[in-house]
N, C-alpha and C. Protein backbone atom coordinates (compact mmCIF):
# COMPACT_ATOMS: atom_id res chain seq x y z
N UNK A 1 32.95 90.20 142.00
CA UNK A 1 33.83 89.11 142.37
C UNK A 1 34.34 88.41 141.12
N UNK A 2 35.51 87.92 141.20
CA UNK A 2 36.12 87.19 140.10
C UNK A 2 36.07 85.71 140.45
N UNK A 3 35.70 84.93 139.47
CA UNK A 3 35.64 83.48 139.70
C UNK A 3 36.72 82.80 138.87
N UNK A 4 37.34 81.80 139.44
CA UNK A 4 38.30 81.01 138.67
C UNK A 4 38.10 79.54 139.03
N UNK A 5 38.38 78.70 138.08
CA UNK A 5 38.21 77.25 138.29
C UNK A 5 39.50 76.66 138.83
N UNK A 6 39.36 75.72 139.76
CA UNK A 6 40.51 75.05 140.31
C UNK A 6 40.08 73.64 140.68
N UNK A 7 40.72 72.67 140.08
CA UNK A 7 40.44 71.25 140.36
C UNK A 7 38.95 70.93 140.38
N UNK A 8 38.30 71.26 139.33
CA UNK A 8 36.88 70.95 139.16
C UNK A 8 35.98 71.61 140.20
N UNK A 9 36.46 72.62 140.88
CA UNK A 9 35.56 73.36 141.76
C UNK A 9 35.85 74.84 141.57
N UNK A 10 34.82 75.61 141.75
CA UNK A 10 34.92 77.04 141.53
C UNK A 10 35.32 77.75 142.82
N UNK A 11 36.31 78.64 142.71
CA UNK A 11 36.74 79.43 143.86
C UNK A 11 36.38 80.88 143.59
N UNK A 12 35.82 81.52 144.58
CA UNK A 12 35.45 82.93 144.46
C UNK A 12 36.58 83.75 145.07
N UNK A 13 37.07 84.71 144.28
CA UNK A 13 38.12 85.61 144.76
C UNK A 13 37.43 86.92 145.14
N UNK A 14 37.48 87.29 146.42
CA UNK A 14 36.84 88.54 146.83
C UNK A 14 37.42 89.74 146.09
N UNK A 15 36.55 90.70 145.80
CA UNK A 15 36.95 91.90 145.07
C UNK A 15 38.11 92.61 145.75
N UNK A 16 38.11 92.66 147.07
CA UNK A 16 39.16 93.37 147.81
C UNK A 16 40.54 92.81 147.49
N UNK A 17 40.63 91.49 147.23
CA UNK A 17 41.94 90.89 146.94
C UNK A 17 42.48 91.30 145.59
N UNK A 18 41.64 91.86 144.74
CA UNK A 18 42.09 92.29 143.41
C UNK A 18 42.49 93.76 143.42
N UNK A 19 42.33 94.44 144.55
CA UNK A 19 42.61 95.87 144.64
C UNK A 19 43.97 96.14 145.26
N UNK A 20 44.45 97.34 145.02
CA UNK A 20 45.72 97.80 145.56
C UNK A 20 45.56 98.02 147.07
N UNK A 21 46.42 97.41 147.91
CA UNK A 21 46.28 97.57 149.37
C UNK A 21 46.35 99.02 149.83
N UNK A 22 47.14 99.86 149.14
CA UNK A 22 47.24 101.27 149.54
C UNK A 22 45.89 101.98 149.39
N UNK A 23 45.15 101.64 148.35
CA UNK A 23 43.84 102.28 148.17
C UNK A 23 42.87 101.82 149.27
N UNK A 24 43.02 100.58 149.71
CA UNK A 24 42.18 100.07 150.80
C UNK A 24 42.54 100.74 152.12
N UNK A 25 43.83 101.02 152.32
CA UNK A 25 44.26 101.76 153.51
C UNK A 25 43.67 103.17 153.48
N UNK A 26 43.69 103.81 152.32
CA UNK A 26 43.12 105.16 152.19
C UNK A 26 41.63 105.15 152.49
N UNK A 27 40.92 104.13 152.02
CA UNK A 27 39.50 104.02 152.32
C UNK A 27 39.28 103.84 153.83
N UNK A 28 40.12 103.02 154.44
CA UNK A 28 40.05 102.84 155.89
C UNK A 28 40.30 104.14 156.62
N UNK A 29 41.25 104.93 156.13
CA UNK A 29 41.55 106.22 156.75
C UNK A 29 40.39 107.20 156.62
N UNK A 30 39.64 107.10 155.53
CA UNK A 30 38.45 107.95 155.40
C UNK A 30 37.44 107.64 156.50
N UNK A 31 37.26 106.36 156.79
CA UNK A 31 36.35 105.95 157.86
C UNK A 31 36.87 106.40 159.23
N UNK A 32 38.16 106.22 159.44
CA UNK A 32 38.77 106.63 160.71
C UNK A 32 38.67 108.14 160.89
N UNK A 33 38.92 108.89 159.83
CA UNK A 33 38.82 110.34 159.90
C UNK A 33 37.39 110.77 160.23
N UNK A 34 36.41 110.10 159.64
CA UNK A 34 35.01 110.41 159.95
C UNK A 34 34.71 110.14 161.43
N UNK A 35 35.26 109.05 161.96
CA UNK A 35 35.05 108.72 163.38
C UNK A 35 35.69 109.77 164.28
N UNK A 36 36.88 110.21 163.93
CA UNK A 36 37.58 111.24 164.73
C UNK A 36 36.81 112.56 164.66
N UNK A 37 36.37 112.92 163.47
CA UNK A 37 35.61 114.16 163.30
C UNK A 37 34.31 114.11 164.12
N UNK A 38 33.64 112.95 164.13
CA UNK A 38 32.40 112.81 164.91
C UNK A 38 32.69 112.92 166.40
N UNK A 39 33.79 112.36 166.85
CA UNK A 39 34.17 112.44 168.27
C UNK A 39 34.40 113.89 168.68
N UNK A 40 35.08 114.65 167.83
CA UNK A 40 35.35 116.06 168.13
C UNK A 40 34.05 116.86 168.07
N UNK A 41 33.20 116.57 167.11
CA UNK A 41 31.90 117.24 167.00
C UNK A 41 31.10 117.03 168.29
N UNK A 42 31.04 115.79 168.75
CA UNK A 42 30.31 115.50 169.99
C UNK A 42 30.92 116.22 171.18
N UNK A 43 32.24 116.28 171.23
CA UNK A 43 32.92 116.99 172.32
C UNK A 43 32.55 118.47 172.31
N UNK A 44 32.56 119.07 171.14
CA UNK A 44 32.19 120.48 171.02
C UNK A 44 30.76 120.73 171.49
N UNK A 45 29.85 119.89 171.05
CA UNK A 45 28.44 120.07 171.43
C UNK A 45 28.27 119.90 172.93
N UNK A 46 28.88 118.87 173.49
CA UNK A 46 28.74 118.63 174.93
C UNK A 46 29.32 119.79 175.74
N UNK A 47 30.47 120.28 175.35
CA UNK A 47 31.10 121.37 176.09
C UNK A 47 30.29 122.66 175.95
N UNK A 48 29.72 122.90 174.80
CA UNK A 48 28.95 124.13 174.59
C UNK A 48 27.60 124.08 175.29
N UNK A 49 26.90 122.97 175.17
CA UNK A 49 25.54 122.90 175.71
C UNK A 49 25.53 122.56 177.19
N UNK A 50 26.23 121.53 177.58
CA UNK A 50 26.17 121.10 178.99
C UNK A 50 27.00 121.96 179.92
N UNK A 51 28.17 122.35 179.44
CA UNK A 51 29.11 123.03 180.34
C UNK A 51 29.27 124.52 180.02
N UNK A 52 28.65 124.98 178.93
CA UNK A 52 28.72 126.38 178.53
C UNK A 52 30.18 126.85 178.41
N UNK A 53 31.02 125.99 177.82
CA UNK A 53 32.44 126.31 177.67
C UNK A 53 32.72 126.83 176.27
N UNK A 54 33.65 127.75 176.12
CA UNK A 54 33.98 128.29 174.80
C UNK A 54 34.84 127.30 173.99
N UNK A 55 34.98 127.61 172.72
CA UNK A 55 35.82 126.82 171.82
C UNK A 55 37.26 126.83 172.32
N UNK A 56 37.87 125.66 172.46
CA UNK A 56 39.24 125.54 172.96
C UNK A 56 40.03 124.65 171.98
N UNK A 57 40.76 125.29 171.10
CA UNK A 57 41.49 124.57 170.05
C UNK A 57 42.50 123.57 170.62
N UNK A 58 43.23 123.95 171.65
CA UNK A 58 44.24 123.06 172.23
C UNK A 58 43.61 121.81 172.83
N UNK A 59 42.50 121.99 173.51
CA UNK A 59 41.80 120.85 174.07
C UNK A 59 41.33 119.91 172.96
N UNK A 60 40.81 120.49 171.87
CA UNK A 60 40.33 119.67 170.76
C UNK A 60 41.47 118.96 170.04
N UNK A 61 42.63 119.60 169.98
CA UNK A 61 43.80 118.91 169.42
C UNK A 61 44.15 117.69 170.27
N UNK A 62 44.08 117.84 171.58
CA UNK A 62 44.33 116.70 172.48
C UNK A 62 43.29 115.61 172.29
N UNK A 63 42.02 116.00 172.14
CA UNK A 63 40.95 115.03 171.92
C UNK A 63 41.21 114.27 170.62
N UNK A 64 41.59 114.99 169.57
CA UNK A 64 41.87 114.35 168.27
C UNK A 64 43.04 113.38 168.38
N UNK A 65 44.11 113.82 169.01
CA UNK A 65 45.28 112.94 169.15
C UNK A 65 44.96 111.71 170.01
N UNK A 66 44.20 111.90 171.06
CA UNK A 66 43.81 110.78 171.92
C UNK A 66 42.95 109.78 171.15
N UNK A 67 42.00 110.30 170.39
CA UNK A 67 41.14 109.42 169.59
C UNK A 67 41.96 108.67 168.53
N UNK A 68 42.91 109.36 167.92
CA UNK A 68 43.78 108.71 166.93
C UNK A 68 44.60 107.60 167.59
N UNK A 69 45.12 107.87 168.77
CA UNK A 69 45.91 106.87 169.49
C UNK A 69 45.05 105.67 169.87
N UNK A 70 43.81 105.92 170.27
CA UNK A 70 42.90 104.83 170.63
C UNK A 70 42.60 103.96 169.42
N UNK A 71 42.29 104.58 168.31
CA UNK A 71 41.99 103.81 167.09
C UNK A 71 43.24 103.08 166.61
N UNK A 72 44.39 103.72 166.67
CA UNK A 72 45.64 103.06 166.26
C UNK A 72 45.91 101.84 167.14
N UNK A 73 45.67 101.96 168.42
CA UNK A 73 45.86 100.84 169.34
C UNK A 73 44.91 99.69 169.01
N UNK A 74 43.66 100.04 168.71
CA UNK A 74 42.69 99.00 168.33
C UNK A 74 43.11 98.31 167.04
N UNK A 75 43.55 99.08 166.07
CA UNK A 75 43.97 98.50 164.78
C UNK A 75 45.22 97.64 164.95
N UNK A 76 46.14 98.05 165.80
CA UNK A 76 47.35 97.25 166.06
C UNK A 76 46.96 95.92 166.71
N UNK A 77 46.01 95.97 167.65
CA UNK A 77 45.54 94.73 168.29
C UNK A 77 44.84 93.83 167.27
N UNK A 78 44.04 94.43 166.39
CA UNK A 78 43.38 93.64 165.35
C UNK A 78 44.41 92.99 164.42
N UNK A 79 45.46 93.73 164.08
CA UNK A 79 46.51 93.19 163.22
C UNK A 79 47.20 92.01 163.89
N UNK A 80 47.44 92.10 165.19
CA UNK A 80 48.06 90.98 165.93
C UNK A 80 47.15 89.76 165.94
N UNK A 81 45.86 89.97 166.12
CA UNK A 81 44.91 88.86 166.09
C UNK A 81 44.90 88.23 164.70
N UNK A 82 44.92 89.05 163.68
CA UNK A 82 44.92 88.53 162.30
C UNK A 82 46.21 87.77 162.00
N UNK A 83 47.31 88.22 162.55
CA UNK A 83 48.58 87.51 162.35
C UNK A 83 48.50 86.11 162.96
N UNK A 84 47.92 86.02 164.17
CA UNK A 84 47.74 84.71 164.79
C UNK A 84 46.79 83.83 164.01
N UNK A 85 45.70 84.41 163.51
CA UNK A 85 44.75 83.65 162.70
C UNK A 85 45.41 83.19 161.41
N UNK A 86 46.26 84.02 160.85
CA UNK A 86 46.98 83.66 159.62
C UNK A 86 47.89 82.46 159.89
N UNK A 87 48.61 82.49 161.01
CA UNK A 87 49.51 81.39 161.35
C UNK A 87 48.72 80.09 161.55
N UNK A 88 47.60 80.16 162.23
CA UNK A 88 46.78 78.95 162.44
C UNK A 88 46.19 78.45 161.13
N UNK A 89 45.72 79.39 160.30
CA UNK A 89 45.09 79.01 159.04
C UNK A 89 46.07 78.35 158.09
N UNK A 90 47.35 78.71 158.19
CA UNK A 90 48.34 78.12 157.28
C UNK A 90 48.52 76.63 157.53
N UNK A 91 48.09 76.15 158.71
CA UNK A 91 48.22 74.73 159.04
C UNK A 91 46.92 73.97 158.86
N UNK A 92 45.87 74.64 158.37
CA UNK A 92 44.56 74.01 158.29
C UNK A 92 44.04 74.00 156.87
N UNK A 93 43.32 72.96 156.55
CA UNK A 93 42.64 72.89 155.26
C UNK A 93 41.32 72.17 155.47
N UNK A 94 40.50 72.23 154.49
CA UNK A 94 39.19 71.59 154.58
C UNK A 94 38.09 72.62 154.71
N UNK A 95 36.97 72.14 155.15
CA UNK A 95 35.80 73.01 155.31
C UNK A 95 35.81 73.65 156.70
N UNK A 96 35.55 74.94 156.76
CA UNK A 96 35.52 75.61 158.07
C UNK A 96 34.30 75.16 158.90
N UNK A 97 34.49 75.09 160.19
CA UNK A 97 33.40 74.69 161.09
C UNK A 97 32.49 75.88 161.41
N UNK A 98 33.02 77.10 161.36
CA UNK A 98 32.26 78.31 161.62
C UNK A 98 32.93 79.48 160.91
N UNK A 99 32.34 80.66 161.01
CA UNK A 99 32.81 81.80 160.22
C UNK A 99 34.21 82.28 160.56
N UNK A 100 34.70 82.02 161.77
CA UNK A 100 36.06 82.45 162.11
C UNK A 100 37.04 81.28 162.16
N UNK A 101 36.68 80.18 161.53
CA UNK A 101 37.55 79.00 161.42
C UNK A 101 38.28 79.11 160.09
N UNK A 102 39.37 79.88 160.10
CA UNK A 102 40.09 80.17 158.86
C UNK A 102 40.92 78.98 158.40
N UNK A 103 40.99 78.85 157.07
CA UNK A 103 41.73 77.75 156.42
C UNK A 103 42.77 78.35 155.48
N UNK A 104 43.51 77.48 154.79
CA UNK A 104 44.53 77.96 153.85
C UNK A 104 43.95 78.87 152.78
N UNK A 105 42.71 78.59 152.36
CA UNK A 105 42.08 79.43 151.34
C UNK A 105 41.89 80.87 151.81
N UNK A 106 41.94 81.10 153.11
CA UNK A 106 41.72 82.42 153.67
C UNK A 106 43.02 83.21 153.89
N UNK A 107 44.16 82.62 153.59
CA UNK A 107 45.44 83.27 153.88
C UNK A 107 45.59 84.62 153.21
N UNK A 108 45.22 84.72 151.93
CA UNK A 108 45.38 85.98 151.21
C UNK A 108 44.51 87.08 151.85
N UNK A 109 43.28 86.74 152.17
CA UNK A 109 42.38 87.74 152.78
C UNK A 109 42.87 88.16 154.16
N UNK A 110 43.33 87.19 154.96
CA UNK A 110 43.83 87.52 156.30
C UNK A 110 45.07 88.41 156.21
N UNK A 111 45.96 88.08 155.27
CA UNK A 111 47.17 88.88 155.08
C UNK A 111 46.83 90.30 154.64
N UNK A 112 45.88 90.41 153.73
CA UNK A 112 45.47 91.73 153.26
C UNK A 112 44.86 92.55 154.39
N UNK A 113 43.98 91.94 155.16
CA UNK A 113 43.36 92.66 156.29
C UNK A 113 44.42 93.12 157.29
N UNK A 114 45.42 92.28 157.55
CA UNK A 114 46.49 92.66 158.48
C UNK A 114 47.29 93.83 157.91
N UNK A 115 47.62 93.77 156.62
CA UNK A 115 48.38 94.87 155.99
C UNK A 115 47.59 96.18 156.02
N UNK A 116 46.28 96.10 155.83
CA UNK A 116 45.45 97.30 155.87
C UNK A 116 45.47 97.90 157.28
N UNK A 117 45.27 97.06 158.29
CA UNK A 117 45.30 97.55 159.67
C UNK A 117 46.66 98.17 160.01
N UNK A 118 47.75 97.51 159.60
CA UNK A 118 49.08 98.05 159.87
C UNK A 118 49.30 99.36 159.13
N UNK A 119 48.76 99.46 157.91
CA UNK A 119 48.87 100.71 157.14
C UNK A 119 48.12 101.85 157.81
N UNK A 120 46.96 101.54 158.37
CA UNK A 120 46.19 102.57 159.08
C UNK A 120 46.94 103.02 160.33
N UNK A 121 47.54 102.08 161.05
CA UNK A 121 48.32 102.43 162.25
C UNK A 121 49.46 103.38 161.88
N UNK A 122 50.20 103.05 160.82
CA UNK A 122 51.31 103.89 160.39
C UNK A 122 50.84 105.28 159.97
N UNK A 123 49.74 105.31 159.20
CA UNK A 123 49.22 106.60 158.73
C UNK A 123 48.74 107.46 159.90
N UNK A 124 48.11 106.84 160.88
CA UNK A 124 47.64 107.60 162.04
C UNK A 124 48.81 108.15 162.84
N UNK A 125 49.86 107.38 162.95
CA UNK A 125 51.05 107.87 163.67
C UNK A 125 51.61 109.11 162.97
N UNK A 126 51.66 109.07 161.65
CA UNK A 126 52.18 110.22 160.90
C UNK A 126 51.23 111.42 160.99
N UNK A 127 49.94 111.17 160.89
CA UNK A 127 48.97 112.26 160.87
C UNK A 127 48.74 112.88 162.24
N UNK A 128 49.05 112.15 163.30
CA UNK A 128 48.82 112.71 164.64
C UNK A 128 49.74 113.89 164.93
N UNK A 129 50.83 114.00 164.18
CA UNK A 129 51.73 115.15 164.37
C UNK A 129 51.62 116.16 163.22
N UNK A 130 50.67 115.94 162.32
CA UNK A 130 50.45 116.84 161.19
C UNK A 130 49.43 117.90 161.59
N UNK A 131 49.92 119.07 161.96
CA UNK A 131 49.05 120.14 162.44
C UNK A 131 48.00 120.55 161.43
N UNK A 132 48.35 120.59 160.16
CA UNK A 132 47.39 120.99 159.13
C UNK A 132 46.23 119.99 159.04
N UNK A 133 46.56 118.71 159.11
CA UNK A 133 45.53 117.65 159.08
C UNK A 133 44.60 117.78 160.29
N UNK A 134 45.18 117.97 161.46
CA UNK A 134 44.38 118.09 162.68
C UNK A 134 43.50 119.34 162.65
N UNK A 135 44.06 120.46 162.19
CA UNK A 135 43.29 121.71 162.10
C UNK A 135 42.12 121.54 161.13
N UNK A 136 42.36 120.82 160.04
CA UNK A 136 41.30 120.59 159.06
C UNK A 136 40.15 119.79 159.68
N UNK A 137 40.49 118.72 160.41
CA UNK A 137 39.46 117.90 161.06
C UNK A 137 38.69 118.73 162.09
N UNK A 138 39.41 119.52 162.87
CA UNK A 138 38.76 120.34 163.90
C UNK A 138 37.85 121.38 163.24
N UNK A 139 38.29 121.96 162.16
CA UNK A 139 37.45 122.93 161.44
C UNK A 139 36.17 122.29 160.92
N UNK A 140 36.30 121.11 160.35
CA UNK A 140 35.10 120.40 159.87
C UNK A 140 34.18 120.05 161.04
N UNK A 141 34.75 119.59 162.13
CA UNK A 141 33.95 119.20 163.30
C UNK A 141 33.24 120.43 163.87
N UNK A 142 33.92 121.54 163.89
CA UNK A 142 33.31 122.78 164.42
C UNK A 142 32.11 123.18 163.57
N UNK A 143 32.26 123.09 162.26
CA UNK A 143 31.15 123.40 161.35
C UNK A 143 29.99 122.44 161.57
N UNK A 144 30.30 121.16 161.69
CA UNK A 144 29.25 120.17 161.92
C UNK A 144 28.53 120.42 163.25
N UNK A 145 29.29 120.75 164.29
CA UNK A 145 28.69 121.00 165.61
C UNK A 145 27.79 122.23 165.55
N UNK A 146 28.25 123.29 164.90
CA UNK A 146 27.43 124.50 164.79
C UNK A 146 26.17 124.22 164.00
N UNK A 147 26.30 123.49 162.90
CA UNK A 147 25.12 123.14 162.10
C UNK A 147 24.12 122.36 162.94
N UNK A 148 24.60 121.40 163.70
CA UNK A 148 23.72 120.58 164.53
C UNK A 148 23.03 121.42 165.60
N UNK A 149 23.79 122.27 166.27
CA UNK A 149 23.19 123.09 167.33
C UNK A 149 22.20 124.09 166.76
N UNK A 150 22.53 124.74 165.62
CA UNK A 150 21.62 125.70 165.01
C UNK A 150 20.37 125.00 164.49
N UNK A 151 20.54 123.83 163.88
CA UNK A 151 19.39 123.08 163.36
C UNK A 151 18.44 122.73 164.51
N UNK A 152 18.99 122.32 165.63
CA UNK A 152 18.16 121.98 166.79
C UNK A 152 17.44 123.22 167.30
N UNK A 153 18.15 124.32 167.39
CA UNK A 153 17.55 125.57 167.89
C UNK A 153 16.45 126.06 166.95
N UNK A 154 16.70 126.01 165.64
CA UNK A 154 15.69 126.43 164.68
C UNK A 154 14.47 125.53 164.73
N UNK A 155 14.69 124.27 164.94
CA UNK A 155 13.57 123.33 165.05
C UNK A 155 12.69 123.69 166.24
N UNK A 156 13.33 124.04 167.36
CA UNK A 156 12.57 124.46 168.54
C UNK A 156 11.78 125.73 168.26
N UNK A 157 12.41 126.69 167.56
CA UNK A 157 11.72 127.94 167.24
C UNK A 157 10.54 127.69 166.30
N UNK A 158 10.73 126.81 165.34
CA UNK A 158 9.65 126.50 164.41
C UNK A 158 8.46 125.88 165.15
N UNK A 159 8.75 125.06 166.14
CA UNK A 159 7.67 124.46 166.92
C UNK A 159 6.92 125.54 167.70
N UNK A 160 7.67 126.50 168.25
CA UNK A 160 7.02 127.59 168.99
C UNK A 160 6.16 128.44 168.08
N UNK A 161 6.68 128.74 166.88
CA UNK A 161 5.93 129.55 165.91
C UNK A 161 4.66 128.80 165.51
N UNK A 162 4.79 127.50 165.27
CA UNK A 162 3.63 126.70 164.88
C UNK A 162 2.59 126.70 166.00
N UNK A 163 3.03 126.56 167.24
CA UNK A 163 2.07 126.55 168.34
C UNK A 163 1.47 127.94 168.55
N UNK A 164 2.25 128.99 168.28
CA UNK A 164 1.74 130.35 168.41
C UNK A 164 0.69 130.63 167.34
N UNK A 165 0.87 130.08 166.15
CA UNK A 165 -0.10 130.32 165.08
C UNK A 165 -1.42 129.61 165.35
N UNK A 166 -1.43 128.66 166.25
CA UNK A 166 -2.65 127.96 166.61
C UNK A 166 -3.34 128.62 167.80
N UNK A 167 -2.77 129.70 168.31
CA UNK A 167 -3.31 130.44 169.45
C UNK A 167 -4.57 131.19 168.99
N UNK A 168 -5.72 130.96 169.64
CA UNK A 168 -6.95 131.62 169.20
C UNK A 168 -6.93 133.14 169.42
N UNK A 169 -6.12 133.64 170.33
CA UNK A 169 -6.08 135.08 170.61
C UNK A 169 -5.03 135.79 169.77
N UNK A 170 -4.31 135.05 168.95
CA UNK A 170 -3.23 135.62 168.16
C UNK A 170 -3.74 136.70 167.20
N UNK A 171 -4.82 136.45 166.52
CA UNK A 171 -5.36 137.41 165.54
C UNK A 171 -5.69 138.73 166.23
N UNK A 172 -6.27 138.66 167.42
CA UNK A 172 -6.62 139.89 168.15
C UNK A 172 -5.37 140.66 168.54
N UNK A 173 -4.32 139.93 168.97
CA UNK A 173 -3.07 140.60 169.35
C UNK A 173 -2.41 141.25 168.13
N UNK A 174 -2.45 140.58 167.01
CA UNK A 174 -1.87 141.14 165.78
C UNK A 174 -2.66 142.38 165.37
N UNK A 175 -3.97 142.33 165.46
CA UNK A 175 -4.82 143.49 165.14
C UNK A 175 -4.46 144.66 166.06
N UNK A 176 -4.29 144.37 167.36
CA UNK A 176 -3.91 145.41 168.32
C UNK A 176 -2.56 146.02 168.00
N UNK A 177 -1.62 145.17 167.57
CA UNK A 177 -0.30 145.65 167.19
C UNK A 177 -0.40 146.55 165.97
N UNK A 178 -1.22 146.17 165.01
CA UNK A 178 -1.42 147.00 163.81
C UNK A 178 -2.02 148.35 164.16
N UNK A 179 -3.00 148.33 165.07
CA UNK A 179 -3.61 149.60 165.51
C UNK A 179 -2.58 150.50 166.18
N UNK A 180 -1.74 149.90 167.05
CA UNK A 180 -0.69 150.68 167.73
C UNK A 180 0.29 151.27 166.74
N UNK A 181 0.68 150.50 165.73
CA UNK A 181 1.64 151.00 164.73
C UNK A 181 1.03 152.14 163.92
N UNK A 182 -0.25 152.02 163.54
CA UNK A 182 -0.90 153.10 162.80
C UNK A 182 -0.99 154.37 163.65
N UNK A 183 -1.33 154.23 164.93
CA UNK A 183 -1.41 155.38 165.83
C UNK A 183 -0.05 156.05 165.96
N UNK A 184 1.03 155.26 166.12
CA UNK A 184 2.38 155.83 166.21
C UNK A 184 2.76 156.55 164.93
N UNK A 185 2.40 155.97 163.79
CA UNK A 185 2.72 156.60 162.50
C UNK A 185 1.99 157.94 162.37
N UNK A 186 0.73 158.01 162.80
CA UNK A 186 -0.03 159.26 162.74
C UNK A 186 0.58 160.30 163.68
N UNK A 187 0.98 159.87 164.88
CA UNK A 187 1.61 160.79 165.82
C UNK A 187 2.90 161.37 165.26
N UNK A 188 3.67 160.56 164.58
CA UNK A 188 4.94 161.04 163.98
C UNK A 188 4.67 162.04 162.87
N UNK A 189 3.66 161.72 162.06
CA UNK A 189 3.32 162.65 160.98
C UNK A 189 2.85 163.98 161.55
N UNK A 190 2.10 163.91 162.63
CA UNK A 190 1.60 165.13 163.26
C UNK A 190 2.72 165.93 163.90
N UNK A 191 3.75 165.27 164.40
CA UNK A 191 4.88 165.95 165.06
C UNK A 191 5.83 166.52 164.02
N UNK A 192 5.80 166.04 162.82
CA UNK A 192 6.74 166.49 161.80
C UNK A 192 6.35 167.73 161.11
C-alpha cells in the first residue's frame, strides 16, 4: 500500500488503485475462466458417472456459453450496484457507519471496481463466440475430469489391494498359484 499525507492525516491508497485496470480485468478473467472450467469438469463427471453418458462436445459448448452468460449477468448487476453506490458516495463525506457506507474517499475504488466488472462483461461477450477459447477450456476440463475420475478409481483399487494384503489366507493362495504355475511350466517342457 502507498501512503500519502493529506491535511495532517494519513490516507492509505489501496494497491489496486495504483495498477492498470486492464491487468485487473485480466486477473478477473483468470478467476472466471477457472470457474467455467470447474463447471464443465463437474458436468463431465456427473454425466459420466451418474448417467453413463459419453463425451458430448456440443453440449459442453452450451454449458460453457450458459455459464459465461450467467457470470456476465452477475458482473453487470454488480457494476450497476457499484454505479449506484458511487453516486451516493459522491454526496457523502465523513466517517462511514459500516463497511458498505461509502464516502467520497471511496469514489476511486468504487469506480475501479465498476470498470473491472464492465471489462469482464465485455471480455466474456467476446470470448463466448471464440471457438478456440471455448475448445481450450473444454479440453482442460476434460483432462481435469479424467484425472479426478482416475484418481478416485485408483484410490478405491489401492484400498482393495491393502485389504487383500491383510487377508490371512492370501499367502496360501499365492503359494497355490505358484505351485500351479510351476506344474504348467513342467507340463509345457514335457510337451515340447
